[in-house]
Amino acid sequence: MRLSDRLSAMTMHATARFSVRYGQDLQLAGRDLPRPRKRVDETRHGRVTSYEHGEAGAPALVHFHGGAWLMRYPQMDDWWCRYVAATAGVRVVNVDFRTGPYVAYPVAQHQCHDVAAAVAAEGGATPVAVGGFSSGGGLAASVALQARDLGSFVPRLQVLGVPALDLASDLPTGAGMISPSLRALVRRVYFPDPATRSEPYASPVLAEDLSGLPPAVVLTAERDTLRRDGDLYARRLREAGVDVVHDVTPGVDHYFLTEDPVRARETMAMVAARVREALVGGT
């Protein structure tokens, strides 16, 4: 790893808690929830701490935060986790997986799967969904593939928000929040071996077989350079016989919820309803 790349990644890693303000204007529900509980799970790559919102032992959405596999700051999505816990009436487990430059692929993918599998094993069998935003959406898709291939558990739903699903290809050129230079940094730091970037757990959209995966909610944004990932994955999932809700927010970039708060309220309510239906049944 080049020293300049390591320093750039370390800076992103260390400053995330100060630089990320995504979702600050969308604190719609969950403020009255108690502080999240800490949990610790053993994984193939050591212990992982997570933060649980909602009732202990309840059906759970296991959530993976964004940050380009370089920011280790699950609290960036705390607002979303509290909203889903309060609105859908489920537990949300926000996973503090490890990121670059201190680890490389497939550490985060394995840790996220292992935590989700541990949650699913509670009480004999706990209903579980998986989800995430951006790189976290890619992790959620990876976890669903791993769970299918390993037979470890069966997620009820996968929520893929503006997901990064293809690390083998270059991003489209042009202005966008997720730039080709950021993609290049992520690949050099977290996916340093080019041969692994096209593996299904790194780039789920390139997996040969998508059959047998859980129903999906795929959220993409019209001007996001990652849109093609989500659009293609939604199409391929449908072709494989998977039930898919594909929602495109018009006129916005990668921060698709923050840029259009009015539309965001509709999107968030739809996702919460889908999570509730998948985990506890319709009302």
Protein backbone atom coordinates (compact mmCIF):
# COMPACT_ATOMS: atom_id res chain seq x y z
CA MET A 1 0.00 0.00 0.00
CA ARG A 2 1.33 3.41 -0.93
CA LEU A 3 2.06 5.67 2.01
CA SER A 4 -0.14 8.41 0.54
CA ASP A 5 -3.06 5.97 0.26
CA ARG A 6 -2.59 4.78 3.81
CA LEU A 7 -2.51 8.33 5.11
CA SER A 8 -5.62 9.28 3.13
CA ALA A 9 -7.51 6.24 4.40
CA MET A 10 -6.36 6.79 7.97
CA THR A 11 -7.61 10.37 7.79
CA MET A 12 -11.03 9.28 6.52
CA HIS A 13 -11.14 6.60 9.20
CA ALA A 14 -10.24 8.98 12.02
CA THR A 15 -12.35 11.97 11.02
CA ALA A 16 -15.63 10.24 10.10
CA ARG A 17 -17.26 11.16 13.41
CA PHE A 18 -16.61 14.83 12.65
CA SER A 19 -17.14 14.92 8.89
CA VAL A 20 -20.27 12.80 8.37
CA ARG A 21 -23.53 14.70 8.76
CA TYR A 22 -25.73 12.51 6.59
CA GLY A 23 -29.31 12.17 7.89
CA GLN A 24 -29.14 14.94 10.48
CA ASP A 25 -32.39 16.47 9.16
CA LEU A 26 -34.27 13.17 9.13
CA GLN A 27 -34.66 12.45 12.84
CA LEU A 28 -38.30 11.50 12.37
CA ALA A 29 -38.77 8.87 15.05
CA GLY A 30 -36.94 7.01 17.78
CA ARG A 31 -35.65 9.93 19.80
CA ASP A 32 -37.40 8.55 22.87
CA LEU A 33 -35.70 5.16 22.55
CA PRO A 34 -33.13 4.37 25.26
CA ARG A 35 -29.46 4.42 24.43
CA PRO A 36 -28.46 1.41 22.32
CA ARG A 37 -27.21 -1.71 24.03
CA LYS A 38 -23.76 -3.04 23.21
CA ARG A 39 -23.34 -6.61 22.09
CA VAL A 40 -20.19 -8.53 21.23
CA ASP A 41 -20.00 -11.46 18.82
CA GLU A 42 -17.11 -13.73 17.92
CA THR A 43 -16.31 -13.83 14.20
CA ARG A 44 -13.68 -15.41 11.97
CA HIS A 45 -11.68 -12.21 12.37
CA GLY A 46 -12.04 -11.51 16.06
CA ARG A 47 -14.69 -9.93 18.25
CA VAL A 48 -17.10 -7.41 16.78
CA THR A 49 -19.14 -4.91 18.77
CA SER A 50 -22.61 -3.91 17.62
CA TYR A 51 -25.22 -1.48 18.92
CA GLU A 52 -28.79 -2.70 19.40
CA HIS A 53 -31.84 -0.45 19.21
CA GLY A 54 -35.28 -1.72 20.18
CA GLU A 55 -36.51 -4.60 22.29
CA ALA A 56 -33.96 -7.26 23.18
CA GLY A 57 -34.66 -10.58 21.51
CA ALA A 58 -37.07 -9.12 18.95
CA PRO A 59 -36.85 -9.89 15.22
CA ALA A 60 -33.89 -7.94 13.89
CA LEU A 61 -32.65 -5.89 10.98
CA VAL A 62 -28.86 -6.26 10.97
CA HIS A 63 -27.52 -3.02 9.52
CA PHE A 64 -24.13 -2.23 7.97
CA HIS A 65 -23.09 1.41 7.74
CA GLY A 66 -21.53 3.15 4.76
CA GLY A 67 -18.18 4.86 4.47
CA ALA A 68 -16.46 3.23 1.49
CA TRP A 69 -14.99 0.40 3.59
CA LEU A 70 -12.62 3.08 4.98
CA MET A 71 -14.72 4.78 7.67
CA ARG A 72 -15.32 2.85 10.87
CA TYR A 73 -18.18 4.83 12.36
CA PRO A 74 -21.50 2.96 12.76
CA GLN A 75 -23.00 5.99 14.51
CA MET A 76 -23.27 7.68 11.10
CA ASP A 77 -26.42 5.59 10.58
CA ASP A 78 -27.74 5.82 14.14
CA TRP A 79 -30.60 8.07 12.98
CA TRP A 80 -31.73 5.41 10.50
CA CYS A 81 -31.44 2.55 12.98
CA ARG A 82 -33.54 4.42 15.55
CA TYR A 83 -36.13 5.30 12.93
CA VAL A 84 -36.56 1.70 11.78
CA ALA A 85 -36.62 0.34 15.34
CA ALA A 86 -39.32 2.83 16.36
CA THR A 87 -41.38 2.73 13.17
CA ALA A 88 -41.20 -0.95 12.24
CA GLY A 89 -41.29 -2.20 15.83
CA VAL A 90 -38.21 -4.38 15.39
CA ARG A 91 -34.71 -4.56 16.78
CA VAL A 92 -31.92 -3.00 14.72
CA VAL A 93 -28.35 -4.25 15.19
CA ASN A 94 -25.83 -1.67 13.93
CA VAL A 95 -22.55 -3.52 13.30
CA ASP A 96 -19.13 -1.98 14.01
CA PHE A 97 -17.16 -4.07 11.53
CA ARG A 98 -13.49 -3.34 10.81
CA THR A 99 -12.43 -1.29 7.80
CA GLY A 100 -9.38 -0.21 5.82
CA PRO A 101 -6.60 0.67 6.02
CA TYR A 102 -6.28 -1.64 9.03
CA VAL A 103 -7.86 -4.66 7.34
CA ALA A 104 -8.58 -5.64 3.74
CA TYR A 105 -11.16 -7.74 1.91
CA PRO A 106 -12.79 -10.05 2.94
CA VAL A 107 -12.57 -9.15 6.65
CA ALA A 108 -15.60 -6.82 6.78
CA GLN A 109 -17.66 -9.16 4.59
CA HIS A 110 -16.93 -12.10 6.88
CA GLN A 111 -17.49 -10.15 10.08
CA CYS A 112 -20.85 -8.83 8.88
CA HIS A 113 -22.01 -12.31 7.89
CA ASP A 114 -20.89 -13.83 11.16
CA VAL A 115 -22.68 -11.22 13.28
CA ALA A 116 -25.89 -11.60 11.27
CA ALA A 117 -25.69 -15.38 11.58
CA ALA A 118 -25.21 -15.05 15.35
CA VAL A 119 -28.28 -12.83 15.63
CA ALA A 120 -30.30 -15.29 13.54
CA ALA A 121 -29.25 -18.17 15.82
CA GLU A 122 -30.56 -16.51 18.98
CA GLY A 123 -33.39 -18.35 20.68
CA GLY A 124 -33.14 -21.18 18.20
CA ALA A 125 -34.18 -19.03 15.24
CA THR A 126 -34.69 -15.28 15.22
CA PRO A 127 -36.21 -13.67 12.11
CA VAL A 128 -33.49 -11.52 10.54
CA ALA A 129 -33.22 -9.05 7.67
CA VAL A 130 -29.99 -7.45 6.49
CA GLY A 131 -29.44 -3.98 5.10
CA GLY A 132 -27.10 -1.08 4.60
CA PHE A 133 -26.28 2.08 2.70
CA SER A 134 -23.56 2.54 0.06
CA SER A 135 -20.67 0.20 0.92
CA GLY A 136 -22.96 -1.14 3.64
CA GLY A 137 -25.50 -2.00 0.96
CA GLY A 138 -22.78 -3.97 -0.79
CA LEU A 139 -22.02 -5.72 2.48
CA ALA A 140 -25.70 -6.61 2.96
CA ALA A 141 -25.84 -8.14 -0.52
CA SER A 142 -22.62 -10.02 0.22
CA VAL A 143 -24.04 -11.33 3.51
CA ALA A 144 -27.15 -12.60 1.74
CA LEU A 145 -24.97 -14.46 -0.78
CA GLN A 146 -22.75 -15.89 1.96
CA ALA A 147 -25.76 -17.03 3.98
CA ARG A 148 -27.19 -18.82 0.94
CA ASP A 149 -23.89 -20.45 0.00
CA LEU A 150 -23.01 -21.51 3.56
CA GLY A 151 -26.54 -22.46 4.58
CA SER A 152 -25.93 -20.49 7.77
CA PHE A 153 -29.28 -18.69 7.99
CA VAL A 154 -32.04 -17.38 5.74
CA PRO A 155 -32.56 -13.60 5.76
CA ARG A 156 -36.19 -12.56 5.38
CA LEU A 157 -35.25 -9.41 3.42
CA GLN A 158 -32.25 -7.47 2.11
CA VAL A 159 -32.39 -3.67 2.08
CA LEU A 160 -29.81 -2.30 -0.35
CA GLY A 161 -29.57 1.49 -0.20
CA VAL A 162 -27.52 3.14 -3.01
CA PRO A 163 -25.35 -0.01 -2.88
CA ALA A 164 -21.79 -0.42 -4.12
CA LEU A 165 -21.98 -3.80 -5.84
CA ASP A 166 -19.22 -3.84 -8.46
CA LEU A 167 -15.64 -3.22 -7.32
CA ALA A 168 -14.15 -4.74 -10.44
CA SER A 169 -15.32 -2.02 -12.82
CA ASP A 170 -14.45 1.64 -13.06
CA LEU A 171 -17.07 4.21 -12.17
CA PRO A 172 -18.72 6.30 -14.89
CA THR A 173 -16.93 9.57 -15.51
CA GLY A 174 -18.55 12.87 -14.66
CA ALA A 175 -19.44 14.89 -11.61
CA GLY A 176 -20.77 12.86 -8.73
CA MET A 177 -20.38 12.45 -5.01
CA ILE A 178 -18.79 9.02 -5.46
CA SER A 179 -15.88 9.86 -7.74
CA PRO A 180 -13.56 7.64 -9.76
CA SER A 181 -10.68 8.82 -7.54
CA LEU A 182 -12.50 7.63 -4.41
CA ARG A 183 -13.26 4.29 -6.06
CA ALA A 184 -9.58 3.96 -6.99
CA LEU A 185 -8.52 4.66 -3.39
CA VAL A 186 -10.99 2.10 -2.04
CA ARG A 187 -9.74 -0.55 -4.42
CA ARG A 188 -6.08 0.10 -3.63
CA VAL A 189 -6.65 0.13 0.15
CA TYR A 190 -9.47 -2.33 0.91
CA PHE A 191 -9.45 -4.46 -2.29
CA PRO A 192 -5.70 -4.44 -3.04
CA ASP A 193 -5.69 -7.75 -4.94
CA PRO A 194 -7.30 -7.11 -8.33
CA ALA A 195 -8.07 -10.81 -8.69
CA THR A 196 -10.51 -10.69 -5.76
CA ARG A 197 -12.48 -7.64 -6.86
CA SER A 198 -14.75 -9.67 -9.14
CA GLU A 199 -15.51 -12.32 -6.52
CA PRO A 200 -19.23 -12.52 -5.66
CA TYR A 201 -18.75 -11.43 -2.05
CA ALA A 202 -16.78 -8.36 -3.19
CA SER A 203 -18.95 -7.56 -6.22
CA PRO A 204 -22.35 -9.24 -5.73
CA VAL A 205 -23.69 -7.95 -9.05
CA LEU A 206 -21.09 -10.12 -10.81
CA ALA A 207 -22.19 -13.35 -9.10
CA GLU A 208 -23.11 -15.99 -11.67
CA ASP A 209 -26.16 -17.25 -9.76
CA LEU A 210 -28.55 -14.99 -7.82
CA SER A 211 -31.29 -17.57 -7.34
CA GLY A 212 -32.41 -18.49 -3.86
CA LEU A 213 -31.67 -15.06 -2.39
CA PRO A 214 -34.10 -13.24 -0.08
CA PRO A 215 -36.56 -10.62 -1.31
CA ALA A 216 -34.89 -7.26 -1.83
CA VAL A 217 -35.62 -3.56 -1.53
CA VAL A 218 -33.15 -1.79 -3.81
CA LEU A 219 -32.91 1.98 -3.46
CA THR A 220 -31.05 3.95 -6.12
CA ALA A 221 -30.65 7.66 -6.93
CA GLU A 222 -30.98 9.18 -10.39
CA ARG A 223 -27.66 11.09 -10.45
CA ASP A 224 -25.60 8.68 -8.32
CA THR A 225 -22.58 7.16 -10.06
CA LEU A 226 -23.42 3.93 -8.21
CA ARG A 227 -26.90 3.84 -9.71
CA ARG A 228 -25.93 1.35 -12.42
CA ASP A 229 -24.90 -1.14 -9.70
CA GLY A 230 -28.30 -1.09 -8.02
CA ASP A 231 -30.30 -0.93 -11.24
CA LEU A 232 -28.47 -3.92 -12.69
CA TYR A 233 -28.71 -5.91 -9.45
CA ALA A 234 -32.46 -5.31 -9.19
CA ARG A 235 -32.90 -6.52 -12.77
CA ARG A 236 -30.71 -9.59 -12.29
CA LEU A 237 -32.48 -10.50 -9.04
CA ARG A 238 -35.84 -10.37 -10.79
CA GLU A 239 -34.50 -12.51 -13.62
CA ALA A 240 -33.40 -15.04 -10.99
CA GLY A 241 -36.93 -15.19 -9.57
CA VAL A 242 -36.31 -13.00 -6.52
CA ASP A 243 -39.05 -10.60 -5.42
CA VAL A 244 -37.70 -7.04 -5.77
CA VAL A 245 -38.95 -3.58 -4.92
CA HIS A 246 -36.79 -1.12 -6.86
CA ASP A 247 -37.23 2.53 -5.92
CA VAL A 248 -35.36 5.33 -7.72
CA THR A 249 -35.25 8.78 -6.12
CA PRO A 250 -35.31 11.33 -8.97
CA GLY A 251 -32.93 14.25 -9.31
CA VAL A 252 -30.53 13.40 -6.48
CA ASP A 253 -26.99 12.12 -5.99
CA HIS A 254 -25.64 9.55 -3.52
CA TYR A 255 -27.04 11.24 -0.39
CA PHE A 256 -30.47 10.48 -1.78
CA LEU A 257 -32.38 10.87 1.47
CA THR A 258 -30.78 14.09 2.68
CA GLU A 259 -31.05 15.86 -0.68
CA ASP A 260 -34.83 15.50 -0.88
CA PRO A 261 -36.24 15.23 2.67
CA VAL A 262 -39.86 15.25 1.47
CA ARG A 263 -39.30 12.28 -0.83
CA ALA A 264 -37.10 10.72 1.86
CA ARG A 265 -40.03 10.47 4.26
CA GLU A 266 -41.93 8.40 1.72
CA THR A 267 -38.92 6.18 1.04
CA MET A 268 -38.16 5.64 4.71
CA ALA A 269 -41.77 4.79 5.54
CA MET A 270 -41.91 2.31 2.66
CA VAL A 271 -38.73 0.57 3.80
CA ALA A 272 -39.88 0.43 7.43
CA ALA A 273 -43.17 -1.12 6.32
CA ARG A 274 -41.34 -3.73 4.23
CA VAL A 275 -39.04 -4.56 7.14
CA ARG A 276 -41.98 -4.92 9.50
CA GLU A 277 -43.89 -7.10 7.05
CA ALA A 278 -40.86 -9.34 6.51
CA LEU A 279 -39.99 -9.75 10.19
CA VAL A 280 -43.24 -9.57 12.15
CA GLY A 281 -46.00 -9.71 9.51
CA GLY A 282 -48.34 -7.06 8.15
CA THR A 283 -50.68 -5.02 10.30
